[in-house]
């Protein structure tokens, strides 16, 4: 029992038995208002103790019950991932890529993060950002979530210069020709490696390398174990067969490889299809993120945007109803207008959601205490905080002392805090 005015412990009872609670409460005739959770046993004990006390149901517990019912409904009705149409993306020609890379220029990691976020705000899809900035899709999604607060962590991290294939070939050719010249001028392999900053092994290889810098195998297809079976593999995969089942079938026709390279082939084809998506690209919304909106605003969920939520509402309009129910009830709890609870109950009942109807049945059995929670400012907050302190005291005692020692320790702690 906690004094709601000063936060001090009034008393502690070593029982949950209803008769003991009634007897205990009857020894405190001065108590006029009691805040409690939704337990019917405590509600009855307080009523039976006499003195016509006002009972206030704790707002936290009421709201917690409502959100848990709403969560059960979302889990029951929504798939693990909701696929929505991505907002219309910006189109561009392949010839525009060099100029666009100039627009989203970056030298430091922070500038790259800013470029990612700017491109996403400009309407580019994740795949388009990957192509233009030459980074992976997981990197794009990670960079989208980074806040301005973390700027100091990345602003001084310089990025290595990215070269095109032709630039790399030109630089390699220049290095090969320098190595050939040094060796022709009489420098040893060791000395040439020191001057050029490459290993001796590389210097020896460059001695006979092609001066153009072109790799000997560039443009050549060396063949694969899958080549004779590629069409059949893709046909079987289209029917939903796994890589292991496909492997077992083509082994009968002479295939000698593993299922791993079959998976790699199928992965490459799925990536290619994903990169061809444009305005009809799908966005995967995780159900966990939609559930989190029961507790916080969409601006606080990194993976969600308002335009995504609008698309979810088109497919699952009941989700918007649930959010409306939660929002209106939160506003009601702090409105100081208990008469509006009956209006809320009538409105929420019209949605026909069984989980919400269960919540309504629960608060109707304790309607007076729930209305009092709207009228009065009292709550279980002080009691919950004190209970956490009591648990610490119990752990310090290691279970070696009895209830009387625990009681003394609690009062002593309350006296000096």
Protein backbone atom coordinates (compact mmCIF):
# COMPACT_ATOMS: atom_id res chain seq x y z
CA UNK A 1 0.00 0.00 0.00
CA UNK A 2 1.51 3.33 -1.14
CA UNK A 3 0.52 6.85 -0.12
CA UNK A 4 -0.34 8.55 -3.42
CA UNK A 5 0.44 12.00 -1.97
CA UNK A 6 4.04 11.45 -0.81
CA UNK A 7 5.04 8.10 -2.39
CA UNK A 8 5.81 6.47 0.99
CA UNK A 9 4.96 2.85 1.87
CA UNK A 10 1.96 2.73 4.24
CA UNK A 11 1.88 -1.01 4.91
CA UNK A 12 2.65 -4.41 3.40
CA UNK A 13 0.58 -7.59 3.76
CA UNK A 14 1.94 -11.14 3.64
CA UNK A 15 -1.12 -12.55 1.86
CA UNK A 16 -3.20 -12.43 -1.32
CA UNK A 17 -6.18 -14.17 0.27
CA UNK A 18 -9.38 -12.17 -0.18
CA UNK A 19 -10.45 -12.48 3.49
CA UNK A 20 -7.04 -11.27 4.69
CA UNK A 21 -7.12 -8.29 2.31
CA UNK A 22 -10.64 -7.31 3.46
CA UNK A 23 -9.62 -7.49 7.13
CA UNK A 24 -6.41 -5.55 6.42
CA UNK A 25 -8.15 -2.75 4.50
CA UNK A 26 -10.83 -2.38 7.17
CA UNK A 27 -8.11 -1.18 9.59
CA UNK A 28 -7.54 1.92 7.38
CA UNK A 29 -10.80 3.91 7.64
CA UNK A 30 -9.14 7.12 6.39
CA UNK A 31 -8.54 5.72 2.89
CA UNK A 32 -11.05 7.34 0.52
CA UNK A 33 -9.61 6.56 -2.95
CA UNK A 34 -7.83 3.40 -4.10
CA UNK A 35 -5.99 2.96 -7.42
CA UNK A 36 -5.62 -0.64 -8.55
CA UNK A 37 -5.25 -2.87 -11.61
CA UNK A 38 -8.21 -4.67 -13.20
CA UNK A 39 -8.20 -7.64 -10.78
CA UNK A 40 -11.76 -8.54 -9.84
CA UNK A 41 -10.53 -10.14 -6.60
CA UNK A 42 -9.00 -6.85 -5.41
CA UNK A 43 -12.06 -4.90 -6.57
CA UNK A 44 -14.32 -7.14 -4.48
CA UNK A 45 -11.99 -7.03 -1.45
CA UNK A 46 -11.92 -3.20 -1.54
CA UNK A 47 -15.72 -3.06 -1.82
CA UNK A 48 -16.22 -5.61 1.01
CA UNK A 49 -13.86 -3.71 3.35
CA UNK A 50 -16.53 -1.01 3.80
CA UNK A 51 -16.27 2.82 4.02
CA UNK A 52 -17.62 3.23 0.43
CA UNK A 53 -14.21 3.87 -1.13
CA UNK A 54 -13.75 5.26 -4.66
CA UNK A 55 -11.94 2.74 -6.87
CA UNK A 56 -9.76 3.94 -9.76
CA UNK A 57 -8.63 1.48 -12.43
CA UNK A 58 -5.00 2.03 -13.46
CA UNK A 59 -4.73 3.68 -16.89
CA UNK A 60 -1.54 1.83 -17.84
CA UNK A 61 -3.15 -1.57 -17.29
CA UNK A 62 -6.31 -0.57 -19.19
CA UNK A 63 -4.33 0.63 -22.20
CA UNK A 64 -2.02 -2.40 -22.03
CA UNK A 65 -5.03 -4.72 -22.20
CA UNK A 66 -6.44 -2.86 -25.21
CA UNK A 67 -3.17 -2.93 -27.16
CA UNK A 68 -2.66 -6.63 -26.40
CA UNK A 69 -6.12 -7.43 -27.79
CA UNK A 70 -5.37 -5.28 -30.85
CA UNK A 71 -2.04 -7.08 -31.30
CA UNK A 72 -3.79 -10.47 -31.21
CA UNK A 73 -6.14 -9.27 -33.92
CA UNK A 74 -3.30 -8.06 -36.19
CA UNK A 75 -1.39 -11.33 -35.71
CA UNK A 76 -4.54 -13.29 -36.54
CA UNK A 77 -5.49 -11.36 -39.67
CA UNK A 78 -2.22 -10.16 -41.24
CA UNK A 79 0.42 -12.31 -42.99
CA UNK A 80 4.01 -12.18 -41.71
CA UNK A 81 4.87 -9.78 -44.55
CA UNK A 82 2.44 -7.48 -46.34
CA UNK A 83 3.40 -6.84 -49.98
CA UNK A 84 2.44 -3.40 -51.24
CA UNK A 85 3.04 -1.49 -54.45
CA UNK A 86 6.01 0.82 -54.08
CA UNK A 87 5.31 4.54 -54.55
CA UNK A 88 5.92 5.69 -58.13
CA UNK A 89 9.67 5.84 -58.79
CA UNK A 90 11.69 8.23 -60.88
CA UNK A 91 12.65 6.90 -64.33
CA UNK A 92 15.95 7.66 -66.01
CA UNK A 93 17.93 6.61 -69.07
CA UNK A 94 21.17 4.63 -68.84
CA UNK A 95 22.95 7.54 -70.55
CA UNK A 96 21.98 9.81 -67.63
CA UNK A 97 23.88 7.74 -65.05
CA UNK A 98 27.24 9.62 -65.25
CA UNK A 99 25.60 13.03 -64.75
CA UNK A 100 23.43 11.67 -61.94
CA UNK A 101 26.47 10.26 -60.18
CA UNK A 102 27.91 13.77 -60.38
CA UNK A 103 24.77 15.17 -58.71
CA UNK A 104 24.95 12.67 -55.85
CA UNK A 105 28.74 13.00 -55.51
CA UNK A 106 30.33 11.81 -52.28
CA UNK A 107 33.85 11.59 -50.85
CA UNK A 108 33.14 10.71 -47.21
CA UNK A 109 30.91 8.02 -45.78
CA UNK A 110 28.55 10.66 -44.37
CA UNK A 111 28.16 12.24 -47.83
CA UNK A 112 27.32 8.78 -49.20
CA UNK A 113 24.67 8.32 -46.47
CA UNK A 114 23.23 11.75 -47.34
CA UNK A 115 23.18 10.80 -51.04
CA UNK A 116 21.26 7.61 -50.27
CA UNK A 117 18.68 9.45 -48.17
CA UNK A 118 18.35 12.26 -50.74
CA UNK A 119 17.81 9.80 -53.61
CA UNK A 120 15.16 7.92 -51.64
CA UNK A 121 13.40 11.22 -50.88
CA UNK A 122 13.63 12.07 -54.59
CA UNK A 123 11.63 8.92 -55.34
CA UNK A 124 14.31 6.49 -56.54
CA UNK A 125 13.79 2.79 -55.75
CA UNK A 126 16.33 0.81 -53.72
CA UNK A 127 17.51 -0.96 -56.88
CA UNK A 128 18.04 2.36 -58.66
CA UNK A 129 20.07 3.71 -55.73
CA UNK A 130 22.18 0.53 -55.78
CA UNK A 131 22.91 0.96 -59.49
CA UNK A 132 23.71 4.67 -59.33
CA UNK A 133 25.83 4.65 -56.15
CA UNK A 134 27.34 1.17 -56.68
CA UNK A 135 26.35 -0.20 -53.27
CA UNK A 136 24.25 -3.18 -52.13
CA UNK A 137 20.54 -3.06 -51.29
CA UNK A 138 21.16 -3.98 -47.64
CA UNK A 139 23.56 -1.05 -47.40
CA UNK A 140 20.89 1.28 -48.84
CA UNK A 141 18.31 0.11 -46.29
CA UNK A 142 20.82 0.50 -43.43
CA UNK A 143 21.86 4.01 -44.54
CA UNK A 144 18.22 5.12 -44.75
CA UNK A 145 17.86 4.63 -40.98
CA UNK A 146 20.96 6.60 -39.89
CA UNK A 147 20.06 9.84 -38.11
CA UNK A 148 21.77 13.24 -38.11
CA UNK A 149 22.87 12.56 -34.51
CA UNK A 150 25.44 10.02 -35.82
CA UNK A 151 27.05 12.43 -38.29
CA UNK A 152 30.31 12.74 -36.27
CA UNK A 153 30.84 8.99 -36.54
CA UNK A 154 31.00 9.03 -40.36
CA UNK A 155 31.95 12.54 -41.48
CA UNK A 156 35.73 11.95 -41.33
CA UNK A 157 35.66 8.47 -42.92
CA UNK A 158 37.04 8.89 -46.43
CA UNK A 159 35.85 6.51 -49.15
CA UNK A 160 38.25 4.79 -51.52
CA UNK A 161 37.97 5.99 -55.14
CA UNK A 162 35.86 3.65 -57.26
CA UNK A 163 37.28 2.94 -60.71
CA UNK A 164 35.46 1.65 -63.75
CA UNK A 165 36.66 -1.53 -65.48
CA UNK A 166 38.42 0.53 -68.20
CA UNK A 167 40.12 2.76 -65.62
CA UNK A 168 41.35 -0.30 -63.71
CA UNK A 169 42.70 -1.80 -66.93
CA UNK A 170 44.51 1.47 -67.80
CA UNK A 171 46.10 1.75 -64.32
CA UNK A 172 47.23 -1.87 -64.48
CA UNK A 173 48.76 -1.33 -67.95
CA UNK A 174 50.71 1.67 -66.65
CA UNK A 175 52.04 -0.38 -63.71
CA UNK A 176 53.04 -3.28 -66.01
CA UNK A 177 54.96 -0.94 -68.32
CA UNK A 178 56.73 0.70 -65.37
CA UNK A 179 57.77 -2.73 -64.05
CA UNK A 180 59.05 -3.80 -67.50
CA UNK A 181 61.07 -0.55 -67.82
CA UNK A 182 62.66 -0.86 -64.37
CA UNK A 183 63.69 -4.47 -65.05
CA UNK A 184 65.05 -3.49 -68.50
CA UNK A 185 67.10 -0.71 -66.87
CA UNK A 186 68.82 -3.28 -64.64
CA UNK A 187 66.84 -2.92 -61.41
CA UNK A 188 66.44 -6.11 -59.39
CA UNK A 189 63.02 -7.62 -58.74
CA UNK A 190 63.30 -6.63 -55.07
CA UNK A 191 64.17 -3.00 -55.88
CA UNK A 192 61.40 -2.72 -58.49
CA UNK A 193 58.83 -4.03 -55.98
CA UNK A 194 59.94 -1.38 -53.45
CA UNK A 195 59.67 1.44 -56.01
CA UNK A 196 56.25 0.37 -57.31
CA UNK A 197 54.82 -0.74 -53.95
CA UNK A 198 53.88 -4.21 -55.17
CA UNK A 199 55.13 -7.67 -54.27
CA UNK A 200 58.15 -9.33 -55.94
CA UNK A 201 55.88 -12.08 -57.19
CA UNK A 202 53.72 -9.47 -58.99
CA UNK A 203 56.84 -7.86 -60.52
CA UNK A 204 57.95 -11.25 -61.91
CA UNK A 205 54.46 -11.84 -63.32
CA UNK A 206 54.37 -8.37 -64.92
CA UNK A 207 57.70 -9.12 -66.68
CA UNK A 208 55.83 -11.27 -69.25
CA UNK A 209 52.34 -9.75 -68.88
CA UNK A 210 50.30 -8.20 -71.71
CA UNK A 211 51.27 -4.45 -71.85
CA UNK A 212 47.61 -3.51 -72.42
CA UNK A 213 46.69 -4.67 -68.89
CA UNK A 214 43.88 -6.82 -70.25
CA UNK A 215 43.19 -10.04 -68.38
CA UNK A 216 43.79 -13.10 -70.53
CA UNK A 217 40.41 -14.63 -69.72
CA UNK A 218 38.37 -11.43 -70.11
CA UNK A 219 35.34 -12.02 -72.31
CA UNK A 220 35.84 -15.77 -72.39
CA UNK A 221 33.23 -18.16 -71.07
CA UNK A 222 35.00 -21.14 -69.56
CA UNK A 223 31.87 -23.21 -69.38
CA UNK A 224 30.01 -24.65 -66.43
CA UNK A 225 28.78 -28.04 -65.32
CA UNK A 226 25.30 -26.53 -65.50
CA UNK A 227 25.41 -25.47 -69.16
CA UNK A 228 23.85 -28.67 -70.60
CA UNK A 229 21.07 -28.59 -67.98
CA UNK A 230 20.35 -24.85 -67.59
CA UNK A 231 17.00 -24.80 -69.42
CA UNK A 232 15.77 -27.87 -67.57
CA UNK A 233 16.86 -26.42 -64.20
CA UNK A 234 14.95 -23.18 -64.82
CA UNK A 235 11.88 -25.11 -65.97
CA UNK A 236 11.90 -27.29 -62.83
CA UNK A 237 12.46 -24.24 -60.59
CA UNK A 238 9.45 -22.53 -62.19
CA UNK A 239 7.37 -25.51 -60.98
CA UNK A 240 8.52 -24.81 -57.40
CA UNK A 241 11.11 -27.59 -57.07
CA UNK A 242 14.03 -27.08 -54.67
CA UNK A 243 17.67 -27.14 -55.75
CA UNK A 244 18.18 -30.54 -54.07
CA UNK A 245 15.25 -32.11 -55.94
CA UNK A 246 16.48 -30.60 -59.20
CA UNK A 247 19.98 -31.98 -58.54
CA UNK A 248 18.62 -35.48 -57.93
CA UNK A 249 16.72 -35.43 -61.23
CA UNK A 250 19.54 -34.16 -63.46
CA UNK A 251 22.07 -36.50 -61.82
CA UNK A 252 20.29 -39.32 -63.60
CA UNK A 253 21.26 -37.56 -66.85
CA UNK A 254 24.94 -37.27 -65.96
CA UNK A 255 25.19 -34.12 -63.81
CA UNK A 256 28.24 -34.41 -61.48
CA UNK A 257 27.99 -31.13 -59.50
CA UNK A 258 26.38 -30.14 -56.22
CA UNK A 259 23.09 -28.42 -55.36
CA UNK A 260 25.02 -25.29 -54.24
CA UNK A 261 25.81 -24.11 -57.78
CA UNK A 262 22.20 -24.79 -58.78
CA UNK A 263 21.08 -22.49 -55.94
CA UNK A 264 23.59 -19.88 -57.13
CA UNK A 265 22.20 -20.02 -60.66
CA UNK A 266 18.61 -19.66 -59.44
CA UNK A 267 19.67 -16.78 -57.14
CA UNK A 268 21.30 -14.92 -60.07
CA UNK A 269 18.12 -15.25 -62.11
CA UNK A 270 15.94 -14.03 -59.21
CA UNK A 271 18.26 -11.02 -58.73
CA UNK A 272 18.00 -10.23 -62.43
CA UNK A 273 14.21 -10.30 -62.26
CA UNK A 274 14.23 -8.07 -59.18
CA UNK A 275 16.37 -5.48 -60.94
CA UNK A 276 13.85 -5.30 -63.81
CA UNK A 277 11.09 -4.11 -61.49
CA UNK A 278 10.17 -0.47 -61.99
CA UNK A 279 6.93 1.28 -61.09
CA UNK A 280 5.32 -2.05 -60.11
CA UNK A 281 8.11 -2.89 -57.65
CA UNK A 282 6.82 -4.47 -54.45
CA UNK A 283 7.75 -3.36 -50.95
CA UNK A 284 7.69 -5.90 -48.14
CA UNK A 285 6.20 -4.52 -44.90
CA UNK A 286 6.90 -6.69 -41.86
CA UNK A 287 3.93 -7.35 -39.58
CA UNK A 288 6.09 -6.51 -36.53
CA UNK A 289 6.46 -2.94 -37.82
CA UNK A 290 2.69 -2.57 -38.18
CA UNK A 291 2.18 -3.92 -34.65
CA UNK A 292 4.70 -1.36 -33.32
CA UNK A 293 2.33 1.41 -34.50
CA UNK A 294 -0.01 0.39 -31.68
CA UNK A 295 2.54 1.92 -29.32
CA UNK A 296 4.23 4.73 -31.28
CA UNK A 297 3.86 7.10 -34.21
CA UNK A 298 4.88 6.10 -37.74
CA UNK A 299 7.66 8.74 -37.65
CA UNK A 300 9.36 6.68 -34.91
CA UNK A 301 9.45 3.48 -37.02
CA UNK A 302 12.49 3.60 -39.31
CA UNK A 303 11.21 1.09 -41.87
CA UNK A 304 7.78 2.69 -42.38
CA UNK A 305 6.60 5.79 -44.23
CA UNK A 306 3.19 7.41 -44.45
CA UNK A 307 2.89 6.51 -48.15
CA UNK A 308 3.62 2.85 -47.32
CA UNK A 309 0.93 2.93 -44.64
CA UNK A 310 -1.62 4.30 -47.09
CA UNK A 311 -0.92 1.33 -49.40
CA UNK A 312 -1.36 -1.09 -46.47
CA UNK A 313 -4.75 0.52 -45.69
CA UNK A 314 -5.90 -0.13 -49.26
CA UNK A 315 -5.19 -3.86 -48.89
CA UNK A 316 -6.13 -4.21 -45.20
CA UNK A 317 -8.61 -1.44 -44.23
CA UNK A 318 -9.19 -3.13 -40.86
CA UNK A 319 -5.66 -2.11 -39.81
CA UNK A 320 -6.65 1.57 -40.03
CA UNK A 321 -9.75 0.83 -37.91
CA UNK A 322 -7.57 -0.69 -35.17
CA UNK A 323 -5.28 2.35 -35.13
CA UNK A 324 -8.31 4.66 -34.92
CA UNK A 325 -9.69 2.69 -31.96
CA UNK A 326 -6.38 2.87 -30.06
CA UNK A 327 -5.83 6.57 -30.81
CA UNK A 328 -9.34 7.64 -29.79
CA UNK A 329 -9.15 5.62 -26.55
CA UNK A 330 -5.80 7.19 -25.58
CA UNK A 331 -7.29 10.65 -26.09
CA UNK A 332 -10.36 9.66 -24.04
CA UNK A 333 -8.29 8.44 -21.07
CA UNK A 334 -6.81 11.92 -20.56
CA UNK A 335 -9.86 13.97 -21.61
CA UNK A 336 -11.47 14.29 -18.13
CA UNK A 337 -14.77 13.46 -19.88
CA UNK A 338 -15.96 10.08 -18.52
CA UNK A 339 -19.35 10.41 -20.25
CA UNK A 340 -17.59 9.94 -23.62
CA UNK A 341 -16.56 6.38 -22.66
CA UNK A 342 -20.09 5.14 -23.47
CA UNK A 343 -19.86 6.80 -26.90
CA UNK A 344 -16.46 5.17 -27.53
CA UNK A 345 -17.82 1.74 -26.55
CA UNK A 346 -20.76 2.15 -28.93
CA UNK A 347 -18.50 3.24 -31.82
CA UNK A 348 -15.87 0.52 -31.24
CA UNK A 349 -18.56 -2.19 -31.08
CA UNK A 350 -19.73 -1.34 -34.61
CA UNK A 351 -16.41 -2.52 -36.11
CA UNK A 352 -17.29 -6.13 -35.27
CA UNK A 353 -13.77 -7.07 -34.14
CA UNK A 354 -14.01 -9.97 -31.67
CA UNK A 355 -10.83 -9.04 -29.78
CA UNK A 356 -12.03 -5.45 -29.25
CA UNK A 357 -15.42 -6.77 -28.13
CA UNK A 358 -13.64 -8.90 -25.49
CA UNK A 359 -11.87 -5.77 -24.20
CA UNK A 360 -15.18 -3.89 -24.09
CA UNK A 361 -16.81 -6.72 -22.10
CA UNK A 362 -13.95 -6.51 -19.61
CA UNK A 363 -14.19 -2.77 -18.95
CA UNK A 364 -18.01 -2.89 -18.80
CA UNK A 365 -17.78 -5.22 -15.77
CA UNK A 366 -15.61 -2.57 -14.06
CA UNK A 367 -17.12 0.50 -15.73
CA UNK A 368 -17.24 2.76 -12.66
CA UNK A 369 -13.52 2.27 -11.87
CA UNK A 370 -12.62 2.82 -15.53
CA UNK A 371 -14.60 6.08 -15.61
CA UNK A 372 -12.88 7.13 -12.39
CA UNK A 373 -9.51 6.64 -14.12
CA UNK A 374 -10.61 9.35 -16.57
CA UNK A 375 -11.77 11.68 -13.78
CA UNK A 376 -8.89 11.29 -11.27
CA UNK A 377 -5.15 11.71 -11.79
CA UNK A 378 -4.26 8.76 -9.53
CA UNK A 379 -2.53 5.67 -10.95
CA UNK A 380 -0.43 2.64 -9.92
CA UNK A 381 2.80 4.34 -11.00
CA UNK A 382 4.14 4.86 -7.47
CA UNK A 383 3.22 1.30 -6.46
CA UNK A 384 4.93 -0.21 -9.52
CA UNK A 385 8.13 1.73 -8.81
CA UNK A 386 8.12 0.69 -5.16
CA UNK A 387 7.58 -2.96 -6.11
CA UNK A 388 10.78 -2.85 -8.19
CA UNK A 389 12.67 -1.55 -5.13
CA UNK A 390 11.14 -4.31 -2.97
CA UNK A 391 12.41 -6.93 -5.44
CA UNK A 392 15.93 -5.54 -5.07
CA UNK A 393 15.66 -5.72 -1.26
CA UNK A 394 14.46 -9.35 -1.47
CA UNK A 395 17.41 -10.29 -3.69
CA UNK A 396 19.85 -8.66 -1.27
CA UNK A 397 18.37 -10.80 1.54
CA UNK A 398 19.09 -13.99 -0.48
CA UNK A 399 15.86 -15.52 0.89
CA UNK A 400 17.43 -16.04 4.34
CA UNK A 401 15.19 -13.65 6.28
CA UNK A 402 11.47 -13.79 7.00
CA UNK A 403 8.59 -11.45 6.23
CA UNK A 404 9.12 -9.27 9.32
CA UNK A 405 12.72 -8.48 8.31
CA UNK A 406 11.55 -7.69 4.75
CA UNK A 407 8.84 -5.39 6.17
CA UNK A 408 11.37 -3.50 8.34
CA UNK A 409 13.75 -3.10 5.40
CA UNK A 410 10.98 -1.76 3.15
CA UNK A 411 9.89 0.85 5.72
CA UNK A 412 13.50 1.84 6.36
CA UNK A 413 14.16 2.24 2.64
CA UNK A 414 10.94 4.29 2.26
CA UNK A 415 11.92 6.53 5.21
CA UNK A 416 15.25 7.57 3.72
CA UNK A 417 14.19 7.84 0.05
